Amino acid sequence: MDTTKTYPRPHPQTAGRVIDGEAVLILADASQINVLNQVGSLIYELSDGQHSVADIASQLAARFDVSYAQAESDTLEFLHGLETQSIMILETR
């Protein structure tokens, strides 16, 4: 997957807000509420359809002092998990 051309955005059935650094997600279809940790919250916050996966991984690598390769791998794994739960959509442009 070319992470420079993949842009995540929330699924239309998901509502979310970041409060004090933690994302709170409401999944309408599943009648479920999820709270993400600091890293997941940053990924969610940057997943606005304007930042590519590569952009997000770069910010994670800088903020959390991990290699870009590790940040990219972790970001993709996290986003794929959210995609399978219909929380996130990954668009390729």
C-alpha atoms as a PDB file:
ATOM      1  CA  MET A   1       0.000   0.000   0.000  1.00  0.00           C
ATOM      2  CA  ASP A   2       1.346   3.428  -0.943  1.00  0.00           C
ATOM      3  CA  THR A   3       0.886   5.376   2.280  1.00  0.00           C
ATOM      4  CA  THR A   4       1.526   8.700   0.529  1.00  0.00           C
ATOM      5  CA  LYS A   5      -1.661   8.164  -1.511  1.00  0.00           C
ATOM      6  CA  THR A   6      -3.878   6.725   1.235  1.00  0.00           C
ATOM      7  CA  TYR A   7      -6.057   9.187   3.129  1.00  0.00           C
ATOM      8  CA  PRO A   8      -8.082   8.008   6.133  1.00  0.00           C
ATOM      9  CA  ARG A   9     -11.307   9.684   7.211  1.00  0.00           C
ATOM     10  CA  PRO A  10     -14.057   8.766   9.675  1.00  0.00           C
ATOM     11  CA  HIS A  11     -16.893   6.567   8.455  1.00  0.00           C
ATOM     12  CA  PRO A  12     -20.141   8.562   8.113  1.00  0.00           C
ATOM     13  CA  GLN A  13     -21.760   6.445  10.851  1.00  0.00           C
ATOM     14  CA  THR A  14     -19.049   7.398  13.367  1.00  0.00           C
ATOM     15  CA  ALA A  15     -19.123  10.520  15.492  1.00  0.00           C
ATOM     16  CA  GLY A  16     -16.072  11.491  17.480  1.00  0.00           C
ATOM     17  CA  ARG A  17     -14.436  14.220  19.455  1.00  0.00           C
ATOM     18  CA  VAL A  18     -11.030  14.614  21.077  1.00  0.00           C
ATOM     19  CA  ILE A  19     -11.321  15.735  24.703  1.00  0.00           C
ATOM     20  CA  ASP A  20      -8.170  16.354  26.753  1.00  0.00           C
ATOM     21  CA  GLY A  21      -6.101  14.322  24.290  1.00  0.00           C
ATOM     22  CA  GLU A  22      -8.435  11.294  24.225  1.00  0.00           C
ATOM     23  CA  ALA A  23     -10.752  10.562  21.326  1.00  0.00           C
ATOM     24  CA  VAL A  24     -14.260   9.474  22.232  1.00  0.00           C
ATOM     25  CA  LEU A  25     -15.961   7.676  19.338  1.00  0.00           C
ATOM     26  CA  ILE A  26     -19.655   6.931  19.079  1.00  0.00           C
ATOM     27  CA  LEU A  27     -20.527   4.131  16.686  1.00  0.00           C
ATOM     28  CA  ALA A  28     -24.138   4.651  15.701  1.00  0.00           C
ATOM     29  CA  ASP A  29     -24.641   1.312  13.950  1.00  0.00           C
ATOM     30  CA  ALA A  30     -23.245  -0.701  16.868  1.00  0.00           C
ATOM     31  CA  SER A  31     -24.621   1.533  19.658  1.00  0.00           C
ATOM     32  CA  GLN A  32     -21.123   1.550  21.101  1.00  0.00           C
ATOM     33  CA  ILE A  33     -18.721   4.114  22.576  1.00  0.00           C
ATOM     34  CA  ASN A  34     -14.932   3.723  22.280  1.00  0.00           C
ATOM     35  CA  VAL A  35     -12.223   5.770  23.997  1.00  0.00           C
ATOM     36  CA  LEU A  36      -8.804   5.783  22.344  1.00  0.00           C
ATOM     37  CA  ASN A  37      -5.422   6.164  24.025  1.00  0.00           C
ATOM     38  CA  GLN A  38      -3.080   9.072  23.276  1.00  0.00           C
ATOM     39  CA  VAL A  39      -1.561   7.532  20.149  1.00  0.00           C
ATOM     40  CA  GLY A  40      -4.892   6.319  18.776  1.00  0.00           C
ATOM     41  CA  SER A  41      -6.418   9.711  19.510  1.00  0.00           C
ATOM     42  CA  LEU A  42      -3.715  11.491  17.521  1.00  0.00           C
ATOM     43  CA  ILE A  43      -4.195   9.106  14.599  1.00  0.00           C
ATOM     44  CA  TYR A  44      -7.956   9.671  14.752  1.00  0.00           C
ATOM     45  CA  GLU A  45      -7.552  13.445  14.986  1.00  0.00           C
ATOM     46  CA  LEU A  46      -5.271  13.529  11.931  1.00  0.00           C
ATOM     47  CA  SER A  47      -7.526  11.165   9.946  1.00  0.00           C
ATOM     48  CA  ASP A  48      -9.514  13.971   8.383  1.00  0.00           C
ATOM     49  CA  GLY A  49      -9.191  13.044   4.716  1.00  0.00           C
ATOM     50  CA  GLN A  50      -6.534  15.749   4.295  1.00  0.00           C
ATOM     51  CA  HIS A  51      -3.560  13.943   5.886  1.00  0.00           C
ATOM     52  CA  SER A  52      -2.138  10.839   4.237  1.00  0.00           C
ATOM     53  CA  VAL A  53      -1.086   7.803   6.243  1.00  0.00           C
ATOM     54  CA  ALA A  54       2.510   8.875   5.531  1.00  0.00           C
ATOM     55  CA  ASP A  55       1.788  12.333   7.011  1.00  0.00           C
ATOM     56  CA  ILE A  56       0.288  10.764  10.122  1.00  0.00           C
ATOM     57  CA  ALA A  57       3.196   8.343  10.534  1.00  0.00           C
ATOM     58  CA  SER A  58       5.684  11.211  10.235  1.00  0.00           C
ATOM     59  CA  GLN A  59       3.946  13.124  13.010  1.00  0.00           C
ATOM     60  CA  LEU A  60       3.806  10.035  15.224  1.00  0.00           C
ATOM     61  CA  ALA A  61       7.507   9.316  14.662  1.00  0.00           C
ATOM     62  CA  ALA A  62       8.438  12.863  15.642  1.00  0.00           C
ATOM     63  CA  ARG A  63       6.147  13.106  18.652  1.00  0.00           C
ATOM     64  CA  PHE A  64       6.776   9.678  20.164  1.00  0.00           C
ATOM     65  CA  ASP A  65      10.450   9.228  19.216  1.00  0.00           C
ATOM     66  CA  VAL A  66      10.012   6.051  17.171  1.00  0.00           C
ATOM     67  CA  SER A  67      11.319   5.259  13.706  1.00  0.00           C
ATOM     68  CA  TYR A  68       9.220   6.269  10.734  1.00  0.00           C
ATOM     69  CA  ALA A  69       8.993   2.610   9.646  1.00  0.00           C
ATOM     70  CA  GLN A  70       7.583   1.588  13.030  1.00  0.00           C
ATOM     71  CA  ALA A  71       5.158   4.526  13.094  1.00  0.00           C
ATOM     72  CA  GLU A  72       3.967   3.716   9.570  1.00  0.00           C
ATOM     73  CA  SER A  73       3.463   0.039  10.388  1.00  0.00           C
ATOM     74  CA  ASP A  74       1.606   0.797  13.631  1.00  0.00           C
ATOM     75  CA  THR A  75      -0.551   3.469  11.957  1.00  0.00           C
ATOM     76  CA  LEU A  76      -1.572   1.122   9.156  1.00  0.00           C
ATOM     77  CA  GLU A  77      -2.360  -1.692  11.585  1.00  0.00           C
ATOM     78  CA  PHE A  78      -4.467   0.627  13.760  1.00  0.00           C
ATOM     79  CA  LEU A  79      -6.332   2.129  10.788  1.00  0.00           C
ATOM     80  CA  HIS A  80      -7.042  -1.290   9.255  1.00  0.00           C
ATOM     81  CA  GLY A  81      -8.531  -2.358  12.592  1.00  0.00           C
ATOM     82  CA  LEU A  82     -10.773   0.714  12.602  1.00  0.00           C
ATOM     83  CA  GLU A  83     -11.684   0.089   8.976  1.00  0.00           C
ATOM     84  CA  THR A  84     -12.860  -3.466   9.734  1.00  0.00           C
ATOM     85  CA  GLN A  85     -15.099  -2.031  12.468  1.00  0.00           C
ATOM     86  CA  SER A  86     -16.557   0.558  10.038  1.00  0.00           C
ATOM     87  CA  ILE A  87     -15.052   3.395  12.072  1.00  0.00           C
ATOM     88  CA  MET A  88     -12.638   4.618   9.405  1.00  0.00           C
ATOM     89  CA  ILE A  89     -12.494   4.688   5.600  1.00  0.00           C
ATOM     90  CA  LEU A  90      -9.157   4.517   3.760  1.00  0.00           C
ATOM     91  CA  GLU A  91      -9.277   6.310   0.404  1.00  0.00           C
ATOM     92  CA  THR A  92      -6.594   5.953  -2.242  1.00  0.00           C
ATOM     93  CA  ARG A  93      -5.989   8.942  -4.496  1.00  0.00           C
END
